[in-house]
Structures are given as C-alpha cells and as structure tokens.
Amino acid sequence: MSALNIIILAAGKGTRMYSNKPKVLHALAGKPMVQHVLDCAQALQAERICVVYGHGGEAVPQAMAAYPAKFVIQEPQLGTGHAVQQAMPHLDDGSQSLVLYGDVPLIQLASLQRMREAGEGLVLLTVNLANPTGYGRIVRDAQGKVLSIVEEKDATTELRKIQEVNTGILLAPTALLRTWLANLKNNNSQGEFYLTDIVAMAVGQGVAVHTVQPDNTWEVDGINSKAQLAVLERTWQSVEAQRLLAQGVTLADPARIDVRGTLTCGRDVEIDVGCIFEGKVSLGDNVRVGAYSILRNVRVAHDTQIAPYSLLEASAVGANCHIGPYARLRPGSQIHDDAHVGNFVEIKNSEIGKGSKANHLSYIGDATVGARVNIGAGTITCNYDGANKFRTIIEDDAFIGSDTQLVAPVRVGKGATIGAGSTITKDTPDSELTLSRSKQITINGWMRPVKKK
C-alpha cells in the first residue's frame, strides 16, 4: 500500500456560528473540531498531514501547534478544489491523498481504513440520506457506475431525487489529483472551483471510481451552526453512553453524561446523573461516582466512592477511598488507599497518606500528610506568604485539632497532637500535645515579603 497524505480543509469562516473564532476551533466533546480530525489522521499513520486554513489568521496553526502538520493558508477562499490546490506543492506524486474536513469532526478510523482498501483509482465516501437536501448527488449509470457528482444548486429536479450523496471525503492517487485540480473550472453558480468536478474527469479518463459508506451517518455530519454543533454533541454523547453500557458500566441516565476525552472503566462501575469526564479518566472496579461530579485527568482505584458535586482534577485517588460530597482535588493531589476527603475540603498539590481523614471544611495545600492522620474541621495549611509557597509535613498518626493554622514551612511530628484553635509556626515534637492560643497583637513596621529571584 502506497504512502498516505492527508489534507484537512479548515479555512471556512463559519458565518452562521456568529463567532470571532474560526469555525473548526469550536469544541465538540471537549476539544476543537479540527483536533478530532487530526487525531484520526494521526491514527492512520499518514506520511504527511497538511491543514489548509484561512479565516481567523494564525489561530488554527497556533491552536494545533502540537501536531506534526504542515499548515497552508488559503487566501482568498475560492472553493474546495482551490483549497486542495494549496496543499499540492507539499505532497509527493508517488502517494495517495485523502481529503478530510475540519468541520466534519466525527469521521471514524474504520471508515477511512475501508477507503484505503477499496481498490485502485478514486475512492469516494458516500452516504444515503432520507432527506438529501443541500448535498451533492452521486450520479450513476444504468450499471451502477459513478458518472459524476452534481451540487444541489446545479442539479435538475430529477437529480435532486437521488438519495445517495457526496460527503466530500475522498481518496485519490496524488499524481492524478494534481492533474485533475489543474483542470478545474469555476463556471458554476457560485463561481468556485468544486473539488467534486474531478469525478467526471476520472470517469472520462477511464479511472475506476469506487464508493464506500461509513458505519454511521453521524460520522459525516458537518457543522455550520451552533444548533448543528449542539445536535452532534448530544449524538456523540449518546454513542459514548452506549459504549459504556455495552462494557457493563451502570449509568443512572444515559442521556445525562458527558465524556469529553477518554473514559475507561473497570467492572461494576456506577455513574450517577450529570457527571462530566474530561481528558483522560480511569475508574477501577466498583467505583461509584455521585451526581454532578466532574473528573478531569484523574485516575481512581477500585472500590472508591466519589460523592455528589465533587471536582477532581489532575489527581490520583487510591482504593477504598471516600471523596466528597462537595470536595475539590486540585492538580497534583495524591490520595492513598482508605483515605477520606470530605465535604468542602480542598486538596492542592498534596499527598494524603493511607487511612488519613480530612472530613470537612479544610484546605490542604502543598502538604505531605502521612498515614492515619486526622485533620479536624477548619484546618488550613498556610502555604503562601503573599509571594512564595512553602510545604507542610504532617507525619504518621498525627491528630490536628479543629480550626488549626499550620504556617509553612512546618513539620508536625509523628503521633503529635495539635490542640484546637492553634496557630503552629514551629516544628512540633513527636507524640506530644502542642497548642498555641494568644492575644491579638499588631507588629508595627512589618514589611510584606517579596518574591525571591
């Protein structure tokens, strides 16, 4: 099989989106439409990916800079044929070229792989629609061979009755595609160079024209408005929900879940209504996620319960933990097995040891908490002096009384007890009771610290 080039057309303005942002940068399932297409292109292991952009200046190249693609501007925009022409100087003739669209985000790898296996010549991805309005029609002869594609604006009443339509996605030998593009004319109602006109050229030269259909019509749904984007979003979320159900996940309501990334689940996972999963999320066996929780780039081990309205981001949670309700794990948090993080507790860039508990109304930031530690209500690690951040160390088996402030950098010794209402500014010894309660004073002339260089 010859090398593959992929051309992604992403130059459209998207007038009906009513936005200053290029159309292809509007998000579906948590990431820009064009990024879905780029991810699919990378999965095909293409030798070269070329993105043709236009409206929005450098917004598209900048947003997709992490991808190894060649970005080529189309200016002015004179139709799909003209757009593909912009990519041709960057492609080698001894290859095949696949044309995709940045505003057709849900094309699936399996459909494109079938196109590659369809045979030599020109390969079109087509679909049969009960209502083909707005699409170019596939015109065939009496033997079923493809003759041409006629755009609806140029089609007769009889041709408009055809239900097989062009998706715009095609695969062709690069050398032939280059020749056909050079011969395009713009003598149509729009004054544009239609990519679809190459079909008649291929037929005229005796080049075989094959057609392939996707497994699902939603794969080729294009986006031209916020309404269409909203419909396709719900379509994709339904697909994701059905995938999870097929794997044995219990969904309280398949219509009320949003997967904006990759969600992998073990056995007997239960997900309540209104939950959102973003980025890469992994749930172990017997995990339960309570209603309206948000998990973003999180790994959760087996038998853990996440109570409703919890927000977990860029964190790892061990086995048999209890998180929430109304808990927040900020990036860099690591919760070990059997730990509890309760209601209105915020953890940031901290490690909570095995069996430790912070059950309510506390902030633990930039801290290392050992095993079997109890953190009372209202405890705060004062990690920030207004310019610099410092770390708090709480060793195994410590007991932190309610309404305690631990002013970092500070270490609480192993087995130590801190009396409620204390402000701890110095390291405390192991296995002793330490407390600090004093009258309010003002220090005249004190200067706020400045950030260290």
Protein backbone atom coordinates (compact mmCIF):
# COMPACT_ATOMS: atom_id res chain seq x y z
CA MET A 1 0.00 0.00 0.00
CA SER A 2 1.44 3.35 -1.05
CA ALA A 3 2.27 6.19 1.35
CA LEU A 4 -0.62 8.34 2.52
CA ASN A 5 -1.01 12.11 2.62
CA ILE A 6 -3.94 13.67 4.46
CA ILE A 7 -5.31 17.09 3.52
CA ILE A 8 -7.62 18.68 6.10
CA LEU A 9 -9.69 21.59 4.81
CA ALA A 10 -10.16 24.09 7.65
CA ALA A 11 -10.38 27.51 6.01
CA GLY A 12 -14.09 28.26 6.45
CA LYS A 13 -15.24 31.31 8.38
CA GLY A 14 -18.40 29.76 9.76
CA THR A 15 -20.62 32.81 9.34
CA ARG A 16 -23.58 31.06 10.95
CA MET A 17 -21.57 30.34 14.11
CA TYR A 18 -21.74 34.09 14.91
CA SER A 19 -18.30 33.97 16.46
CA ASN A 20 -14.91 35.65 16.08
CA LYS A 21 -13.30 32.22 16.41
CA PRO A 22 -12.61 30.10 13.30
CA LYS A 23 -15.35 27.51 12.88
CA VAL A 24 -13.05 24.50 13.23
CA LEU A 25 -11.86 25.68 16.67
CA HIS A 26 -15.30 25.36 18.23
CA ALA A 27 -15.30 22.45 20.64
CA LEU A 28 -17.16 19.17 20.38
CA ALA A 29 -16.80 16.66 23.22
CA GLY A 30 -14.24 18.88 24.89
CA LYS A 31 -11.82 19.61 22.07
CA PRO A 32 -11.79 21.66 18.86
CA MET A 33 -13.48 20.03 15.87
CA VAL A 34 -10.29 20.07 13.81
CA GLN A 35 -8.43 18.31 16.63
CA HIS A 36 -10.77 15.31 16.31
CA VAL A 37 -9.85 15.12 12.63
CA LEU A 38 -6.13 15.48 13.34
CA ASP A 39 -6.29 12.69 15.91
CA CYS A 40 -7.97 10.42 13.36
CA ALA A 41 -5.37 11.41 10.75
CA GLN A 42 -2.54 10.51 13.09
CA ALA A 43 -4.13 7.12 13.76
CA LEU A 44 -3.90 6.41 10.02
CA GLN A 45 -0.12 6.89 10.28
CA ALA A 46 -0.02 9.30 7.38
CA GLU A 47 3.35 10.25 5.97
CA ARG A 48 2.27 13.89 5.76
CA ILE A 49 -0.67 15.86 7.15
CA CYS A 50 -1.48 19.22 5.56
CA VAL A 51 -4.03 21.59 7.12
CA VAL A 52 -5.44 24.29 4.84
CA TYR A 53 -6.60 27.26 6.93
CA GLY A 54 -7.88 30.75 6.16
CA HIS A 55 -10.26 32.77 8.33
CA GLY A 56 -9.01 33.68 11.77
CA GLY A 57 -5.44 34.38 10.78
CA GLU A 58 -2.94 32.19 12.62
CA ALA A 59 -5.47 30.99 15.20
CA VAL A 60 -5.72 27.47 13.76
CA PRO A 61 -1.95 26.83 13.40
CA GLN A 62 -1.36 28.23 16.86
CA ALA A 63 -4.09 26.13 18.48
CA MET A 64 -2.87 22.94 16.77
CA ALA A 65 0.86 23.64 17.03
CA ALA A 66 1.47 20.38 18.91
CA TYR A 67 0.61 18.34 15.81
CA PRO A 68 3.27 17.48 13.19
CA ALA A 69 1.27 19.01 10.37
CA LYS A 70 2.05 21.46 7.58
CA PHE A 71 -0.25 24.49 7.79
CA VAL A 72 -1.02 26.20 4.49
CA ILE A 73 -3.14 29.32 4.10
CA GLN A 74 -5.92 29.60 1.51
CA GLU A 75 -6.38 33.24 0.63
CA PRO A 76 -8.80 34.08 -0.87
CA GLN A 77 -11.24 31.17 -0.42
CA LEU A 78 -12.34 30.06 -3.89
CA GLY A 79 -13.90 26.70 -3.16
CA THR A 80 -12.90 23.22 -2.07
CA GLY A 81 -10.93 22.49 -5.23
CA HIS A 82 -8.92 25.65 -4.77
CA ALA A 83 -8.31 24.73 -1.11
CA VAL A 84 -6.85 21.33 -2.01
CA GLN A 85 -4.65 23.01 -4.62
CA GLN A 86 -2.91 24.95 -1.82
CA ALA A 87 -1.68 21.69 -0.32
CA MET A 88 -0.39 20.07 -3.51
CA PRO A 89 3.09 21.71 -3.59
CA HIS A 90 3.84 19.92 -0.31
CA LEU A 91 2.85 16.43 -1.48
CA ASP A 92 4.79 13.78 -3.41
CA ASP A 93 3.28 12.19 -6.51
CA GLY A 94 4.13 8.62 -5.52
CA SER A 95 1.48 8.55 -2.82
CA GLN A 96 -2.25 8.68 -2.17
CA SER A 97 -4.02 11.75 -0.82
CA LEU A 98 -7.03 11.66 1.48
CA VAL A 99 -9.17 14.78 1.77
CA LEU A 100 -10.88 15.38 5.13
CA TYR A 101 -12.73 18.35 6.62
CA GLY A 102 -12.07 20.23 9.85
CA ASP A 103 -15.80 20.80 10.37
CA VAL A 104 -16.68 17.09 9.96
CA PRO A 105 -15.22 16.07 13.31
CA LEU A 106 -16.52 12.58 13.99
CA ILE A 107 -15.21 10.65 10.99
CA GLN A 108 -14.09 7.25 12.29
CA LEU A 109 -10.87 5.38 11.61
CA ALA A 110 -12.63 2.20 10.42
CA SER A 111 -14.44 4.04 7.61
CA LEU A 112 -11.22 5.63 6.37
CA GLN A 113 -9.38 2.31 6.52
CA ARG A 114 -12.07 0.76 4.29
CA MET A 115 -11.49 3.56 1.79
CA ARG A 116 -7.82 2.64 1.64
CA GLU A 117 -8.77 -0.96 0.95
CA ALA A 118 -11.42 -0.18 -1.69
CA GLY A 119 -9.13 -0.52 -4.72
CA GLU A 120 -7.02 1.47 -7.14
CA GLY A 121 -8.31 4.76 -8.52
CA LEU A 122 -10.60 7.36 -6.99
CA VAL A 123 -12.48 6.42 -3.80
CA LEU A 124 -15.48 8.43 -2.58
CA LEU A 125 -17.14 8.25 0.82
CA THR A 126 -20.89 8.48 0.19
CA VAL A 127 -24.00 8.11 2.32
CA ASN A 128 -27.69 7.54 1.66
CA LEU A 129 -29.97 10.11 3.29
CA ALA A 130 -33.76 10.15 3.51
CA ASN A 131 -33.50 13.93 3.16
CA PRO A 132 -30.50 14.76 0.93
CA THR A 133 -31.23 18.48 0.72
CA GLY A 134 -28.10 20.57 0.50
CA TYR A 135 -25.77 17.79 -0.59
CA GLY A 136 -24.16 17.00 -3.93
CA ARG A 137 -25.81 13.97 -5.55
CA ILE A 138 -23.95 10.86 -6.75
CA VAL A 139 -24.95 10.28 -10.37
CA ARG A 140 -24.58 6.69 -11.63
CA ASP A 141 -25.20 5.00 -14.99
CA ALA A 142 -27.57 2.08 -15.60
CA GLN A 143 -24.88 -0.37 -14.47
CA GLY A 144 -24.34 1.49 -11.21
CA LYS A 145 -21.00 3.02 -12.10
CA VAL A 146 -20.37 6.53 -10.80
CA LEU A 147 -20.54 9.17 -13.53
CA SER A 148 -20.27 12.45 -11.60
CA ILE A 149 -21.27 14.48 -8.56
CA VAL A 150 -23.73 17.30 -9.12
CA GLU A 151 -24.08 20.02 -6.49
CA GLU A 152 -27.66 20.72 -5.46
CA LYS A 153 -27.56 24.30 -6.75
CA ASP A 154 -26.66 22.97 -10.19
CA ALA A 155 -28.92 19.88 -10.11
CA THR A 156 -32.13 19.35 -12.05
CA THR A 157 -35.36 18.41 -10.31
CA GLU A 158 -34.82 14.78 -11.32
CA LEU A 159 -31.27 14.68 -10.00
CA ARG A 160 -32.38 16.13 -6.67
CA LYS A 161 -34.43 12.98 -6.07
CA ILE A 162 -31.21 10.95 -5.73
CA GLN A 163 -30.66 10.00 -2.08
CA GLU A 164 -27.01 8.92 -2.33
CA VAL A 165 -24.93 11.99 -1.59
CA ASN A 166 -21.32 13.05 -1.52
CA THR A 167 -19.67 13.57 1.87
CA GLY A 168 -16.71 15.40 0.34
CA ILE A 169 -14.25 12.88 1.76
CA LEU A 170 -12.22 11.24 -0.99
CA LEU A 171 -9.02 9.32 -1.64
CA ALA A 172 -7.02 9.58 -4.87
CA PRO A 173 -3.54 8.96 -6.27
CA THR A 174 -1.68 12.22 -5.67
CA ALA A 175 -0.34 12.50 -9.23
CA LEU A 176 -3.83 12.12 -10.72
CA LEU A 177 -5.32 14.51 -8.16
CA ARG A 178 -2.73 17.12 -9.09
CA THR A 179 -3.67 16.84 -12.78
CA TRP A 180 -7.39 16.98 -12.16
CA LEU A 181 -7.09 20.03 -9.89
CA ALA A 182 -5.12 21.88 -12.58
CA ASN A 183 -8.04 21.42 -14.98
CA LEU A 184 -10.83 22.62 -12.70
CA LYS A 185 -13.14 25.38 -13.97
CA ASN A 186 -15.32 27.74 -11.97
CA ASN A 187 -18.21 28.01 -14.45
CA ASN A 188 -20.92 27.28 -11.86
CA SER A 189 -23.50 29.28 -9.94
CA GLN A 190 -21.03 30.04 -7.12
CA GLY A 191 -18.04 30.90 -9.29
CA GLU A 192 -15.96 28.44 -7.25
CA PHE A 193 -13.63 25.57 -8.05
CA TYR A 194 -15.52 22.47 -6.94
CA LEU A 195 -13.43 19.51 -5.82
CA THR A 196 -16.32 17.27 -6.87
CA ASP A 197 -15.70 18.08 -10.55
CA ILE A 198 -12.70 15.74 -10.51
CA VAL A 199 -15.10 12.77 -10.52
CA ALA A 200 -16.25 13.45 -14.07
CA MET A 201 -12.60 13.88 -15.09
CA ALA A 202 -11.72 10.49 -13.59
CA VAL A 203 -14.64 8.85 -15.40
CA GLY A 204 -13.62 10.50 -18.67
CA GLN A 205 -10.10 9.09 -18.32
CA GLY A 206 -11.37 5.62 -17.51
CA VAL A 207 -10.10 5.75 -13.92
CA ALA A 208 -12.03 3.43 -11.62
CA VAL A 209 -14.31 5.25 -9.17
CA HIS A 210 -15.17 3.31 -6.00
CA THR A 211 -17.60 4.24 -3.25
CA VAL A 212 -17.51 3.36 0.44
CA GLN A 213 -20.14 4.12 3.07
CA PRO A 214 -19.47 4.85 6.75
CA ASP A 215 -20.89 2.67 9.51
CA ASN A 216 -22.86 5.63 10.90
CA THR A 217 -24.29 8.69 9.19
CA TRP A 218 -23.18 10.91 12.10
CA GLU A 219 -19.57 10.30 11.05
CA VAL A 220 -20.04 12.63 8.09
CA ASP A 221 -22.24 15.27 9.69
CA GLY A 222 -20.76 18.71 9.05
CA ILE A 223 -21.09 21.69 11.38
CA ASN A 224 -22.22 25.09 10.10
CA SER A 225 -24.08 26.49 13.12
CA LYS A 226 -24.22 26.30 16.90
CA ALA A 227 -27.51 24.40 16.58
CA GLN A 228 -25.85 21.71 14.45
CA LEU A 229 -22.94 21.59 16.88
CA ALA A 230 -25.32 21.04 19.80
CA VAL A 231 -27.13 18.22 17.99
CA LEU A 232 -23.88 16.45 17.09
CA GLU A 233 -22.60 16.86 20.65
CA ARG A 234 -25.62 15.00 22.01
CA THR A 235 -25.31 12.40 19.26
CA TRP A 236 -21.70 11.72 20.23
CA GLN A 237 -22.51 11.61 23.95
CA SER A 238 -25.19 9.02 23.19
CA VAL A 239 -22.59 6.97 21.30
CA GLU A 240 -20.23 7.19 24.28
CA ALA A 241 -23.00 6.24 26.71
CA GLN A 242 -23.91 3.18 24.66
CA ARG A 243 -20.24 2.16 24.56
CA LEU A 244 -20.03 2.36 28.36
CA LEU A 245 -23.28 0.43 28.81
CA ALA A 246 -22.00 -2.30 26.46
CA GLN A 247 -18.92 -2.60 28.68
CA GLY A 248 -21.05 -3.15 31.77
CA VAL A 249 -20.99 0.35 33.28
CA THR A 250 -24.17 1.33 35.12
CA LEU A 251 -25.42 4.76 34.03
CA ALA A 252 -28.27 6.24 36.04
CA ASP A 253 -29.38 8.08 32.89
CA PRO A 254 -27.50 7.57 29.59
CA ALA A 255 -28.83 10.93 28.38
CA ARG A 256 -27.14 12.79 31.26
CA ILE A 257 -23.44 12.03 30.97
CA ASP A 258 -20.70 13.94 29.14
CA VAL A 259 -17.43 12.33 28.11
CA ARG A 260 -15.04 14.98 26.85
CA GLY A 261 -11.99 12.84 26.37
CA THR A 262 -11.27 9.18 27.19
CA LEU A 263 -13.09 7.33 29.96
CA THR A 264 -12.03 3.77 30.82
CA CYS A 265 -13.90 1.78 33.45
CA GLY A 266 -13.41 -1.47 35.31
CA ARG A 267 -16.19 -3.83 36.33
CA ASP A 268 -19.29 -2.77 38.24
CA VAL A 269 -18.70 0.95 37.91
CA GLU A 270 -21.73 3.12 38.68
CA ILE A 271 -22.12 6.69 37.39
CA ASP A 272 -24.97 8.91 38.56
CA VAL A 273 -26.61 11.69 36.55
CA GLY A 274 -24.94 14.86 35.33
CA CYS A 275 -21.32 13.69 35.60
CA ILE A 276 -18.65 15.14 33.32
CA PHE A 277 -15.41 13.36 32.41
CA GLU A 278 -12.68 15.40 30.72
CA GLY A 279 -9.27 14.47 29.39
CA LYS A 280 -8.07 11.00 30.38
CA VAL A 281 -10.05 9.42 33.21
CA SER A 282 -9.68 5.88 34.55
CA LEU A 283 -12.09 4.29 37.05
CA GLY A 284 -11.25 1.00 38.76
CA ASP A 285 -13.62 -1.83 39.68
CA ASN A 286 -16.60 -0.98 41.89
CA VAL A 287 -16.05 2.77 41.72
CA ARG A 288 -19.16 4.89 42.28
CA VAL A 289 -19.34 8.47 41.01
CA GLY A 290 -22.03 10.63 42.56
CA ALA A 291 -24.31 13.02 40.74
CA TYR A 292 -22.92 16.16 39.09
CA SER A 293 -19.30 15.34 39.78
CA ILE A 294 -16.55 16.47 37.41
CA LEU A 295 -13.42 14.39 36.86
CA ARG A 296 -10.62 15.80 34.70
CA ASN A 297 -7.45 13.78 34.00
CA VAL A 298 -7.96 11.59 37.06
CA ARG A 299 -7.11 8.01 38.00
CA VAL A 300 -9.36 6.37 40.61
CA ALA A 301 -8.55 2.93 42.05
CA HIS A 302 -11.05 0.19 42.92
CA ASP A 303 -13.84 0.42 45.50
CA THR A 304 -13.64 4.20 45.87
CA GLN A 305 -16.77 6.31 46.27
CA ILE A 306 -16.97 9.85 44.95
CA ALA A 307 -19.96 11.59 46.49
CA PRO A 308 -22.05 14.15 44.57
CA TYR A 309 -20.82 17.57 43.44
CA SER A 310 -17.12 16.76 43.73
CA LEU A 311 -14.46 18.22 41.44
CA LEU A 312 -11.28 16.19 40.82
CA GLU A 313 -8.53 17.44 38.51
CA ALA A 314 -5.12 16.02 37.54
CA SER A 315 -5.05 13.80 40.62
CA ALA A 316 -4.77 10.15 41.64
CA VAL A 317 -7.09 8.50 44.15
CA GLY A 318 -6.30 5.16 45.76
CA ALA A 319 -8.52 2.19 46.62
CA ASN A 320 -11.43 2.24 49.06
CA CYS A 321 -11.38 6.00 49.48
CA HIS A 322 -14.30 8.32 50.18
CA ILE A 323 -14.27 11.65 48.37
CA GLY A 324 -16.90 14.36 48.87
CA PRO A 325 -19.60 15.48 48.69
CA TYR A 326 -18.50 18.93 47.55
CA ALA A 327 -14.82 18.01 47.70
CA ARG A 328 -12.20 19.53 45.44
CA LEU A 329 -8.96 17.83 44.42
CA ARG A 330 -6.76 20.29 42.55
CA PRO A 331 -3.82 19.31 40.31
CA GLY A 332 -1.01 17.35 41.92
CA SER A 333 -3.12 15.68 44.60
CA GLN A 334 -2.44 12.07 45.52
CA ILE A 335 -4.89 10.33 47.83
CA HIS A 336 -3.70 6.97 49.14
CA ASP A 337 -5.83 3.92 49.97
CA ASP A 338 -8.57 4.13 52.62
CA ALA A 339 -8.36 7.92 52.93
CA HIS A 340 -11.32 10.26 53.38
CA VAL A 341 -11.65 13.74 51.87
CA GLY A 342 -14.99 15.09 52.98
CA ASN A 343 -17.38 17.93 52.25
CA PHE A 344 -15.92 21.35 51.46
CA VAL A 345 -12.34 20.08 51.70
CA GLU A 346 -9.85 21.35 49.14
CA ILE A 347 -6.61 19.49 48.44
CA LYS A 348 -3.92 21.06 46.23
CA ASN A 349 -0.55 19.59 45.24
CA SER A 350 -0.60 17.40 48.33
CA GLU A 351 -0.25 13.78 49.36
CA ILE A 352 -2.76 12.30 51.77
CA GLY A 353 -1.47 9.09 53.36
CA LYS A 354 -3.18 5.75 53.79
CA GLY A 355 -6.14 5.84 56.15
CA SER A 356 -5.90 9.58 56.79
CA LYS A 357 -9.00 11.74 57.07
CA ALA A 358 -9.89 15.36 56.37
CA ASN A 359 -13.62 15.10 56.68
CA HIS A 360 -14.83 18.69 56.46
CA LEU A 361 -14.11 22.36 55.85
CA SER A 362 -10.34 22.28 55.40
CA TYR A 363 -7.67 23.45 52.96
CA ILE A 364 -4.60 21.26 52.49
CA GLY A 365 -2.18 22.85 50.05
CA ASP A 366 1.47 21.95 49.30
CA ALA A 367 1.48 19.34 52.04
CA THR A 368 2.67 15.81 52.71
CA VAL A 369 0.31 14.07 55.09
CA GLY A 370 1.33 10.70 56.47
CA ALA A 371 -0.77 7.65 57.30
CA ARG A 372 -3.66 7.55 59.78
CA VAL A 373 -3.67 11.31 60.29
CA ASN A 374 -6.86 13.03 61.46
CA ILE A 375 -7.32 16.59 60.25
CA GLY A 376 -10.01 18.45 62.14
CA ALA A 377 -12.60 20.79 60.67
CA GLY A 378 -11.38 24.22 59.63
CA THR A 379 -7.70 23.24 59.40
CA ILE A 380 -5.60 25.25 56.96
CA THR A 381 -2.07 24.80 55.74
CA CYS A 382 -0.86 28.37 55.29
CA ASN A 383 1.37 27.64 52.32
CA TYR A 384 1.60 31.14 50.79
CA ASP A 385 3.17 34.24 52.30
CA GLY A 386 1.94 36.53 49.54
CA ALA A 387 4.94 35.90 47.31
CA ASN A 388 6.34 32.40 47.88
CA LYS A 389 4.91 28.96 48.66
CA PHE A 390 6.17 26.55 51.30
CA ARG A 391 5.44 22.94 52.28
CA THR A 392 3.82 21.44 55.36
CA ILE A 393 4.81 17.97 56.59
CA ILE A 394 2.42 16.05 58.84
CA GLU A 395 3.86 12.72 59.92
CA ASP A 396 2.06 9.43 60.59
CA ASP A 397 -0.62 9.18 63.31
CA ALA A 398 -0.78 12.92 64.00
CA PHE A 399 -4.05 14.47 65.21
CA ILE A 400 -4.77 18.04 64.10
CA GLY A 401 -7.44 19.76 66.17
CA SER A 402 -10.18 21.84 64.59
CA ASP A 403 -9.54 25.41 63.44
CA THR A 404 -5.77 24.95 63.28
CA GLN A 405 -3.46 27.01 61.07
CA LEU A 406 -0.19 25.33 60.08
CA VAL A 407 2.13 28.10 58.85
CA ALA A 408 4.54 26.57 56.38
CA PRO A 409 7.30 25.62 56.26
CA VAL A 410 6.49 23.49 59.28
CA ARG A 411 6.62 19.84 60.37
CA VAL A 412 4.19 18.10 62.73
CA GLY A 413 5.90 15.16 64.37
CA LYS A 414 4.83 11.53 64.34
CA GLY A 415 1.94 10.86 66.69
CA ALA A 416 1.76 14.54 67.67
CA THR A 417 -1.47 16.22 68.74
CA ILE A 418 -2.27 19.84 67.91
CA GLY A 419 -4.83 21.50 70.15
CA ALA A 420 -7.87 23.06 68.51
CA GLY A 421 -7.63 26.73 67.59
CA SER A 422 -3.84 26.73 67.38
CA THR A 423 -1.57 28.60 65.02
CA ILE A 424 1.56 26.50 64.56
CA THR A 425 4.64 28.29 63.26
CA LYS A 426 7.38 25.93 64.50
CA ASP A 427 8.02 22.21 64.14
CA THR A 428 6.24 20.14 66.82
CA PRO A 429 7.76 17.12 68.59
CA ASP A 430 6.63 13.52 68.19
CA SER A 431 3.88 12.16 70.45
CA GLU A 432 3.33 15.44 72.32
CA LEU A 433 0.43 17.87 72.64
CA THR A 434 1.22 21.27 71.16
CA LEU A 435 -1.12 24.25 71.21
CA SER A 436 -0.88 27.98 70.66
CA ARG A 437 -3.52 30.46 71.77
CA SER A 438 -2.62 34.08 72.41
CA LYS A 439 -3.97 37.61 72.44
CA GLN A 440 -4.17 39.61 69.23
CA ILE A 441 -1.21 41.93 68.62
CA THR A 442 -0.09 44.28 65.84
CA ILE A 443 3.55 44.43 64.72
CA ASN A 444 4.45 47.94 63.66
CA GLY A 445 6.70 48.42 60.65
CA TRP A 446 6.35 44.84 59.38
CA MET A 447 7.11 44.51 55.63
CA ARG A 448 5.36 42.03 53.37
CA PRO A 449 7.83 39.56 51.73
CA VAL A 450 8.82 39.94 48.09
CA LYS A 451 9.20 37.10 45.61
CA LYS A 452 12.64 35.52 45.59
CA LYS A 453 14.51 35.65 42.27
